[in-house]
Protein backbone atom coordinates (compact mmCIF):
# COMPACT_ATOMS: atom_id res chain seq x y z
CA MET A 1 22.38 7.68 11.86
CA SER A 2 21.62 11.16 10.53
CA ALA A 3 19.39 13.61 12.35
CA PRO A 4 16.01 14.36 10.74
CA LEU A 5 15.93 17.67 8.93
CA ALA A 6 12.22 18.48 8.93
CA ALA A 7 11.31 21.98 10.03
CA SER A 8 9.77 22.58 13.42
CA SER A 9 8.06 25.48 15.14
CA THR A 10 7.53 26.89 18.61
CA THR A 11 4.74 29.07 19.94
CA ILE A 12 5.67 32.36 21.61
CA GLY A 13 3.00 34.69 22.91
CA GLY A 14 0.40 33.33 20.49
CA ALA A 15 2.66 33.63 17.43
CA GLN A 16 4.65 30.90 15.77
CA ARG A 17 8.25 31.21 14.77
CA ARG A 18 9.74 28.45 12.66
CA SER A 19 13.25 27.15 13.12
CA PRO A 20 15.19 26.88 9.83
CA THR A 21 15.79 23.24 10.73
CA PRO A 22 15.83 21.32 14.01
CA VAL A 23 19.36 20.12 13.31
CA PHE A 24 20.72 23.39 14.77
CA ALA A 25 18.93 22.76 18.07
CA LEU A 26 20.09 19.14 18.09
CA SER A 27 23.69 20.05 17.25
CA ALA A 28 23.92 22.73 19.93
CA ALA A 29 22.35 20.42 22.52
CA LEU A 30 24.64 17.54 21.53
CA LEU A 31 27.83 19.64 21.70
CA GLY A 32 26.84 21.10 25.06
CA PHE A 33 25.98 17.72 26.54
CA PHE A 34 29.19 16.25 25.12
CA VAL A 35 31.51 18.71 26.90
CA ILE A 36 29.69 18.65 30.24
CA THR A 37 29.72 14.84 30.22
CA LEU A 38 33.37 14.80 29.15
CA ASP A 39 34.31 16.99 32.10
CA ALA A 40 32.85 14.47 34.52
CA SER A 41 35.42 11.85 33.45
CA VAL A 42 38.27 13.58 31.62
CA VAL A 43 39.87 14.72 34.89
CA ASN A 44 40.29 11.20 36.28
CA VAL A 45 43.60 10.23 34.70
CA ALA A 46 45.06 13.69 35.37
CA LEU A 47 44.45 13.53 39.14
CA PRO A 48 48.02 12.43 40.03
CA ALA A 49 49.42 15.25 37.86
CA ILE A 50 47.11 17.77 39.54
CA ARG A 51 48.20 16.55 42.96
CA SER A 52 51.85 16.77 41.94
CA ASP A 53 51.37 20.36 40.73
CA LEU A 54 48.89 21.76 43.27
CA GLY A 55 49.24 19.38 46.23
CA GLY A 56 46.46 17.73 48.26
CA GLY A 57 45.68 14.20 49.41
CA MET A 58 42.93 11.73 48.49
CA SER A 59 40.16 13.96 49.86
CA GLY A 60 41.45 16.86 47.75
CA LEU A 61 41.35 14.71 44.62
CA GLN A 62 37.84 13.55 45.50
CA TRP A 63 36.69 17.17 45.74
CA VAL A 64 38.22 18.01 42.36
CA MET A 65 35.84 15.38 40.97
CA ASP A 66 32.89 15.92 43.31
CA GLY A 67 33.02 19.72 43.30
CA TYR A 68 31.77 19.45 39.72
CA THR A 69 29.32 16.59 40.04
CA LEU A 70 27.91 17.75 43.38
CA MET A 71 26.92 21.21 42.12
CA PHE A 72 25.76 19.61 38.89
CA ALA A 73 23.43 17.30 40.81
CA ALA A 74 22.25 19.78 43.44
CA LEU A 75 21.34 22.53 40.98
CA LEU A 76 19.81 20.34 38.28
CA LEU A 77 16.48 20.25 40.13
CA SER A 78 15.92 23.99 39.95
CA ALA A 79 17.64 24.17 36.56
CA GLY A 80 14.84 22.06 35.12
CA SER A 81 12.29 24.54 36.43
CA LEU A 82 14.43 27.44 35.23
CA SER A 83 14.45 25.95 31.75
CA ASP A 84 10.66 25.90 31.74
CA ARG A 85 10.41 29.45 33.15
CA VAL A 86 12.92 31.42 31.06
CA GLY A 87 12.82 29.17 28.01
CA ALA A 88 15.14 26.33 27.08
CA ARG A 89 17.12 28.39 24.56
CA ARG A 90 17.96 31.19 27.01
CA ALA A 91 18.72 28.78 29.89
CA PHE A 92 21.05 26.78 27.65
CA ALA A 93 22.88 29.94 26.52
CA ILE A 94 23.39 31.21 30.09
CA GLY A 95 24.65 27.83 31.25
CA LEU A 96 27.02 27.55 28.30
CA VAL A 97 28.60 30.96 29.00
CA VAL A 98 29.06 30.07 32.70
CA PHE A 99 30.57 26.71 31.77
CA VAL A 100 33.08 28.17 29.29
CA ALA A 101 34.13 30.95 31.70
CA SER A 102 34.62 28.55 34.62
CA SER A 103 36.53 26.12 32.38
CA THR A 104 38.97 28.96 31.71
CA ALA A 105 39.26 29.56 35.46
CA CYS A 106 40.00 25.85 36.02
CA GLY A 107 42.79 25.94 33.46
CA LEU A 108 44.34 29.00 35.11
CA ALA A 109 43.88 27.83 38.74
CA PRO A 110 47.01 28.61 40.84
CA ASP A 111 46.09 26.27 43.72
CA LEU A 112 43.81 23.37 44.62
CA VAL A 113 41.18 25.47 46.41
CA THR A 114 40.75 27.72 43.37
CA LEU A 115 40.46 24.68 41.13
CA ILE A 116 37.75 23.13 43.31
CA ILE A 117 35.77 26.40 43.40
CA ALA A 118 36.06 26.75 39.61
CA ARG A 119 34.94 23.13 39.23
CA MET A 120 31.86 23.97 41.29
CA ALA A 121 31.14 26.87 38.93
CA GLN A 122 31.48 24.43 36.03
CA GLY A 123 28.85 22.28 37.73
CA LEU A 124 26.51 25.28 37.89
CA GLY A 125 26.84 25.87 34.15
CA ALA A 126 26.43 22.17 33.40
CA ALA A 127 23.29 22.00 35.54
CA MET A 128 21.66 24.80 33.56
CA MET A 129 22.59 23.25 30.22
CA THR A 130 21.49 19.65 30.72
CA PRO A 131 17.68 19.88 31.13
CA SER A 132 17.47 22.78 28.68
CA SER A 133 19.33 20.75 26.05
CA LEU A 134 16.75 17.98 26.29
CA ALA A 135 13.94 20.53 26.21
CA LEU A 136 15.43 22.06 23.04
CA ILE A 137 15.26 18.68 21.35
CA ARG A 138 11.70 18.04 22.47
CA GLU A 139 10.62 21.45 21.14
CA ALA A 140 12.39 20.90 17.82
CA TYR A 141 10.88 17.49 16.99
CA ASP A 142 7.11 16.97 17.09
CA ASP A 143 7.12 13.43 15.72
CA PRO A 144 7.79 10.87 18.53
CA VAL A 145 9.90 8.60 16.29
CA LYS A 146 12.11 11.44 15.04
CA ARG A 147 12.32 12.82 18.56
CA GLY A 148 13.40 9.41 19.84
CA ARG A 149 16.17 9.24 17.24
CA ALA A 150 17.29 12.78 18.11
CA ILE A 151 17.38 11.89 21.81
CA ALA A 152 19.37 8.80 20.90
CA LEU A 153 21.96 10.98 19.13
CA TRP A 154 22.04 13.31 22.15
CA THR A 155 22.62 10.35 24.44
CA ILE A 156 25.27 8.95 22.10
CA GLY A 157 27.20 12.19 22.51
CA GLY A 158 27.11 11.79 26.28
CA ALA A 159 27.99 8.10 26.18
CA VAL A 160 30.94 8.63 23.83
CA ALA A 161 32.14 11.60 25.91
CA ALA A 162 31.98 9.57 29.12
CA ALA A 163 33.89 6.71 27.52
CA ALA A 164 36.40 8.96 25.73
CA GLY A 165 37.10 11.09 28.80
CA PRO A 166 39.99 9.00 30.18
CA VAL A 167 41.62 8.71 26.74
CA ALA A 168 41.30 12.42 26.03
CA GLY A 169 42.52 13.26 29.53
CA GLY A 170 45.59 11.08 29.13
CA ALA A 171 46.45 12.59 25.74
CA LEU A 172 45.94 16.21 26.83
CA ASN A 173 47.90 15.57 30.02
CA LEU A 174 50.98 14.94 27.86
CA VAL A 175 50.96 18.70 27.25
CA SER A 176 49.51 19.82 30.59
CA TRP A 177 46.59 18.85 32.79
CA ARG A 178 45.31 22.40 32.25
CA MET A 179 44.55 21.56 28.62
CA ILE A 180 41.67 19.31 29.68
CA PHE A 181 39.81 22.50 30.65
CA PHE A 182 40.95 24.82 27.86
CA ILE A 183 39.61 22.38 25.25
CA ASN A 184 36.08 23.40 26.28
CA LEU A 185 36.49 26.93 24.94
CA PRO A 186 36.32 26.30 21.16
CA VAL A 187 33.55 23.70 21.56
CA GLY A 188 31.49 26.11 23.66
CA LEU A 189 31.88 28.91 21.12
CA VAL A 190 30.68 26.65 18.28
CA ALA A 191 27.63 25.65 20.32
CA LEU A 192 26.80 29.33 20.93
CA LEU A 193 26.97 30.04 17.20
CA LEU A 194 24.59 27.16 16.49
CA LEU A 195 22.20 28.41 19.15
CA VAL A 196 21.73 31.68 17.24
CA ARG A 197 19.84 29.70 14.57
CA VAL A 198 17.42 28.13 17.08
CA ALA A 199 13.95 29.60 17.64
CA HIS A 200 13.07 31.17 20.99
CA SER A 201 11.48 28.76 23.46
CA PRO A 202 8.12 29.16 25.22
CA ARG A 203 8.18 30.30 28.86
CA ARG A 204 6.18 29.58 31.99
CA ASP A 205 6.20 32.15 34.81
CA VAL A 206 6.60 30.31 38.13
CA PRO A 207 8.20 31.63 41.36
CA PHE A 208 11.58 30.17 42.29
CA ASP A 209 11.62 27.57 45.06
CA TRP A 210 14.42 29.01 47.21
CA ILE A 211 13.73 26.81 50.24
CA GLY A 212 13.76 23.63 48.20
CA GLN A 213 16.93 24.57 46.33
CA ILE A 214 18.89 25.55 49.44
CA ALA A 215 17.76 22.38 51.21
CA ALA A 216 18.80 20.26 48.21
CA VAL A 217 22.30 21.80 48.11
CA LEU A 218 22.72 21.31 51.87
CA ALA A 219 21.50 17.71 51.79
CA MET A 220 23.69 16.62 48.88
CA GLY A 221 26.71 18.63 49.98
CA ALA A 222 26.59 17.40 53.57
CA LEU A 223 26.10 13.80 52.45
CA THR A 224 29.06 13.94 50.06
CA PHE A 225 31.28 15.66 52.66
CA GLY A 226 30.31 13.11 55.29
CA VAL A 227 31.10 10.15 53.05
CA ILE A 228 34.47 11.59 52.00
CA GLU A 229 35.42 12.35 55.61
CA ALA A 230 34.32 8.86 56.65
CA GLY A 231 37.23 7.51 54.64
CA ALA A 232 39.66 9.31 56.97
CA GLU A 233 37.77 9.51 60.29
CA GLY A 234 35.48 6.48 60.13
CA LEU A 235 31.69 6.57 60.39
CA GLY A 236 31.88 7.59 64.06
CA GLY A 237 33.98 10.70 63.46
CA PRO A 238 32.51 13.98 64.80
CA ARG A 239 32.48 15.74 61.43
CA VAL A 240 30.94 12.71 59.79
CA LEU A 241 28.13 12.53 62.34
CA VAL A 242 27.44 16.27 62.07
CA SER A 243 27.37 16.04 58.27
CA LEU A 244 24.95 13.12 58.25
CA THR A 245 22.71 14.92 60.74
CA ILE A 246 22.62 17.99 58.51
CA THR A 247 21.82 15.71 55.58
CA GLY A 248 18.80 14.25 57.37
CA LEU A 249 17.47 17.63 58.49
CA ALA A 250 17.96 19.22 55.08
CA LEU A 251 16.25 16.28 53.39
CA LEU A 252 13.28 16.66 55.74
CA VAL A 253 13.04 20.38 54.92
CA PHE A 254 13.28 19.61 51.20
CA VAL A 255 10.48 17.03 51.22
CA THR A 256 8.27 19.31 53.32
CA ALA A 257 8.86 22.25 50.98
CA GLN A 258 8.00 20.15 47.94
CA ALA A 259 4.88 18.73 49.57
CA ARG A 260 3.49 22.03 50.92
CA GLY A 261 4.92 24.66 48.58
CA ARG A 262 2.67 26.35 46.06
CA HIS A 263 5.28 26.06 43.31
CA PRO A 264 7.66 23.19 44.14
CA MET A 265 10.59 22.67 41.82
CA VAL A 266 10.06 18.90 42.09
CA PRO A 267 6.34 18.04 42.42
CA LEU A 268 6.27 14.89 44.55
CA ASP A 269 3.44 13.40 42.48
CA LEU A 270 6.02 13.00 39.72
CA PHE A 271 7.32 10.01 41.68
CA ARG A 272 3.96 8.27 41.56
CA SER A 273 5.04 7.18 38.10
CA ARG A 274 6.84 3.84 38.23
CA THR A 275 8.60 4.78 35.00
CA VAL A 276 10.08 7.98 36.48
CA VAL A 277 11.34 6.14 39.57
CA ILE A 278 12.87 3.23 37.65
CA ALA A 279 14.42 5.48 34.98
CA SER A 280 15.98 7.71 37.63
CA GLY A 281 17.32 4.67 39.49
CA THR A 282 18.78 3.27 36.28
CA GLY A 283 20.55 6.55 35.56
CA PHE A 284 21.93 6.60 39.12
CA ALA A 285 23.22 3.03 38.88
CA PHE A 286 24.87 3.46 35.50
CA ILE A 287 26.70 6.72 36.22
CA ALA A 288 27.73 5.58 39.70
CA GLY A 289 29.15 2.38 38.23
CA PHE A 290 30.80 3.89 35.19
CA GLN A 291 32.33 7.00 36.76
CA GLY A 292 33.23 5.06 39.89
CA MET A 293 35.02 2.40 37.86
CA VAL A 294 36.98 4.93 35.81
CA PHE A 295 37.92 6.84 38.97
CA VAL A 296 39.27 3.83 40.86
CA TYR A 297 41.06 2.29 37.88
CA SER A 298 42.66 5.62 36.93
CA LEU A 299 44.28 5.76 40.38
CA TYR A 300 44.95 2.00 40.51
CA TYR A 301 46.75 1.91 37.16
CA GLN A 302 49.04 4.82 38.03
CA GLN A 303 49.64 4.17 41.73
CA GLN A 304 49.64 0.36 41.76
CA ARG A 305 50.70 -0.63 38.24
CA GLY A 306 53.02 2.31 37.51
CA LEU A 307 51.34 3.34 34.25
CA SER A 308 51.64 6.87 32.89
CA SER A 309 48.53 9.02 32.51
CA PHE A 310 48.55 8.46 28.75
CA ALA A 311 48.95 4.70 29.10
CA THR A 312 46.13 4.75 31.63
CA GLY A 313 43.93 6.56 29.11
CA LEU A 314 44.82 4.01 26.44
CA ALA A 315 43.70 1.21 28.75
CA PHE A 316 40.14 2.52 28.36
CA VAL A 317 40.27 2.60 24.54
CA PRO A 318 38.61 -0.82 23.88
CA MET A 319 35.38 0.08 25.64
CA THR A 320 35.48 3.58 24.11
CA VAL A 321 35.76 2.41 20.50
CA LEU A 322 33.06 -0.23 20.77
CA SER A 323 30.68 2.17 22.47
CA ALA A 324 30.54 4.34 19.35
CA PHE A 325 29.33 1.40 17.23
CA ILE A 326 26.85 0.11 19.79
CA SER A 327 25.15 3.51 19.96
CA VAL A 328 23.65 3.08 16.50
CA LEU A 329 22.55 -0.49 17.23
CA ALA A 330 20.85 0.50 20.48
CA ALA A 331 18.41 2.88 18.78
CA ARG A 332 17.41 0.17 16.29
CA LEU A 333 16.91 -2.38 19.05
CA ALA A 334 14.65 0.01 20.96
CA GLU A 335 12.55 0.71 17.86
CA ARG A 336 12.14 -2.97 16.99
CA PHE A 337 11.83 -4.68 20.37
CA GLY A 338 10.89 -1.85 22.71
CA PRO A 339 13.07 -0.07 25.28
CA ARG A 340 13.18 -2.85 27.88
CA VAL A 341 15.44 -5.08 25.77
CA PRO A 342 18.41 -2.69 25.41
CA ILE A 343 17.96 -1.26 28.93
CA VAL A 344 17.89 -4.62 30.71
CA GLY A 345 20.57 -6.04 28.42
CA GLY A 346 22.87 -3.07 29.01
CA MET A 347 22.57 -3.19 32.80
CA LEU A 348 23.16 -6.95 32.81
CA LEU A 349 26.32 -6.42 30.78
CA MET A 350 27.54 -3.81 33.24
CA GLY A 351 26.82 -6.07 36.20
CA THR A 352 28.58 -9.02 34.57
CA GLY A 353 31.62 -6.95 33.58
CA THR A 354 32.16 -5.33 36.99
CA ALA A 355 31.53 -8.59 38.86
CA THR A 356 34.15 -10.28 36.70
CA LEU A 357 36.64 -7.46 37.32
CA ALA A 358 36.05 -7.76 41.07
CA PHE A 359 37.11 -11.42 41.10
CA LEU A 360 40.08 -11.27 38.72
CA PRO A 361 43.48 -11.83 40.40
CA ALA A 362 45.74 -8.84 41.03
CA SER A 363 48.25 -10.19 38.51
CA THR A 364 45.79 -9.94 35.60
CA PRO A 365 47.44 -8.09 32.68
CA VAL A 366 46.18 -4.59 31.89
CA TRP A 367 45.15 -5.65 28.38
CA ALA A 368 42.90 -8.35 29.85
CA LEU A 369 41.33 -5.86 32.26
CA SER A 370 40.66 -3.56 29.32
CA LEU A 371 38.80 -6.30 27.47
CA VAL A 372 36.64 -7.12 30.49
CA MET A 373 35.72 -3.41 30.74
CA ILE A 374 34.10 -3.50 27.30
CA PRO A 375 30.65 -4.62 28.58
CA VAL A 376 30.67 -1.70 31.04
CA GLY A 377 31.34 0.76 28.21
CA VAL A 378 28.67 -0.85 26.05
CA CYS A 379 26.05 -0.34 28.77
CA GLY A 380 25.97 3.44 28.33
CA PRO A 381 24.88 3.74 24.70
CA LEU A 382 22.80 0.57 24.96
CA ALA A 383 20.73 1.50 28.01
CA MET A 384 20.76 5.26 28.49
CA ALA A 385 19.17 6.38 25.19
CA PRO A 386 16.00 4.28 25.61
CA THR A 387 15.88 5.13 29.32
CA THR A 388 15.88 8.85 28.51
CA ALA A 389 13.24 8.45 25.80
CA VAL A 390 10.99 6.36 28.06
CA LEU A 391 11.21 8.97 30.80
CA LEU A 392 10.26 11.91 28.56
CA GLU A 393 7.40 10.01 26.94
CA SER A 394 5.94 9.24 30.39
CA VAL A 395 5.44 12.90 31.45
CA PRO A 396 3.39 15.80 30.01
CA THR A 397 5.22 18.23 27.73
CA HIS A 398 5.10 21.09 30.25
CA ARG A 399 6.99 18.93 32.77
CA SER A 400 9.76 17.82 30.44
CA GLY A 401 12.28 20.24 31.95
CA VAL A 402 11.49 19.17 35.52
CA ALA A 403 11.49 15.46 34.65
CA SER A 404 14.82 15.66 32.83
CA GLY A 405 16.22 17.64 35.78
CA VAL A 406 15.18 14.87 38.19
CA PHE A 407 16.61 12.20 35.90
CA ASN A 408 19.97 13.90 35.44
CA THR A 409 20.14 14.81 39.13
CA SER A 410 19.97 11.12 39.95
CA ARG A 411 22.75 10.44 37.43
CA GLN A 412 25.10 13.11 38.76
CA LEU A 413 24.35 12.27 42.37
CA GLY A 414 25.30 8.70 41.54
CA GLY A 415 28.64 9.89 40.16
CA ALA A 416 29.33 12.13 43.16
CA LEU A 417 28.54 9.43 45.71
CA ALA A 418 30.53 6.83 43.78
CA VAL A 419 33.67 8.99 43.90
CA ALA A 420 33.06 9.71 47.59
CA VAL A 421 32.35 6.11 48.60
CA PHE A 422 34.89 4.42 46.33
CA GLY A 423 37.57 6.97 47.23
CA ALA A 424 36.95 6.24 50.91
CA LEU A 425 37.32 2.52 50.21
CA LEU A 426 40.58 3.06 48.31
CA ALA A 427 41.97 5.10 51.20
CA GLY A 428 40.96 2.46 53.75
CA ARG A 429 43.37 0.49 55.89
CA ASP A 430 42.96 -2.64 53.75
CA GLY A 431 44.70 -0.99 50.79
CA ILE A 432 43.86 0.11 47.28
CA VAL A 433 43.40 -3.38 45.81
CA HIS A 434 40.85 -4.37 48.46
CA GLY A 435 39.06 -1.04 48.01
CA LEU A 436 38.99 -1.59 44.25
CA ARG A 437 37.33 -4.99 44.63
CA GLU A 438 34.72 -3.67 47.07
CA SER A 439 33.90 -0.79 44.72
CA LEU A 440 33.42 -3.12 41.77
CA ALA A 441 31.22 -5.47 43.82
CA ILE A 442 28.96 -2.54 44.81
CA THR A 443 28.71 -1.53 41.15
CA ALA A 444 27.71 -5.04 40.10
CA VAL A 445 24.95 -5.22 42.71
CA MET A 446 23.52 -1.87 41.59
CA ALA A 447 23.58 -2.88 37.93
CA PHE A 448 21.83 -6.22 38.50
CA ALA A 449 19.21 -4.55 40.72
CA SER A 450 18.54 -1.96 38.02
CA ALA A 451 18.14 -4.65 35.35
CA ALA A 452 15.60 -6.44 37.54
CA ALA A 453 13.67 -3.22 38.20
CA ASN A 454 13.36 -2.47 34.49
CA LEU A 455 11.59 -5.78 33.97
CA LEU A 456 8.67 -4.13 35.81
CA LEU A 457 8.23 -1.60 33.01
CA LYS A 458 5.34 -2.31 30.64
CA PRO A 459 6.52 -3.46 27.23
CA ALA A 460 6.16 -0.75 24.57
CA ARG A 461 3.51 -1.32 21.96
CA ARG A 462 4.90 -2.03 18.54
CA PRO A 463 3.51 0.00 15.62
């Protein structure tokens, strides 16, 4: 599917400035979203190599993953507002520079602590880029049909990146695990060059919600820390109890700030929309299931089956290859039958695939496991593009940045909690195989629940 090439315009201070073509905005947004999604999964298969080089146990490996996704999720809420305030183009450029610089720091990290801190900085850059990339697309395409196709291409980039992450990580790890971070540099520079051809975005001057942002970081950080520590100390451990208490208090402060603040970064009336709630829940369920599955199988294949990092990456190839073809079909299905069909179908496929994996015997060959993973990989391009489009069509234009921030926060929070919870299960006393089965069962339940919830969405009217 090719991106539409019709010209678009944006209004700045009462004057209009036309973009040469919206394809520059779409290309920059797609490249940016591709690398930030890739970095959420490309590290998985390199975790044993990182531990061998820099040291650290299971909790250290979990923080290498969650340092990125946690900051990504926690800062996405204010990043959506920032995109509306400073303009999507400027917010995207700032985030891209931060992301490229922190990727370089990750590749040069001399120890595990430095790597985790640099991963957190990556999450900051990714948080700024994600809602602004969607806002760039919405500004570039006025026609809903063309915008929907552009969003589909944007989502395809993310879906392919998420699926290709383990394969790319395994291949790059043959040279060095540091290459998985250095690869972001040339891609980021190309995206910056494309951004030069994009028109300036409109701005809205709104004060920053410091209380809400600090409370959000504390709540998500304490929750993730508590879950990770629960794997070692148990739910009754002192640090776990303190972390969960901080989570509850911070969440209370956050909700109060959003309800009573003059300029909340997440207006609570946004959640009166059934579509916003269901779309956010669907994003949470998919990313939690997909990233969680890749995380546990990357460790399982190398620690339990004795596969190399490259062989582990190859085990994910079947679902990666098919995902690229399904992406085109998903957009056509949404246009012809409405968004519910691909969304519900995709989540049902994920639930069926992970439930099947959970019950397969431990002696199942790796090639058979790879085939059963295909429905999980298909879910991304099938369900996420129409989910994103439905969300943006359900909110006013001036709230597109905030709405996309909420949506992507739910996705990244799902990934962070999946790594925390599933990692704790893998490190449990019952062993890695038992933890793997429990993780897959949780994923299946979330996927089936999401499919059922999407049946509550009103069918889209056909033209």
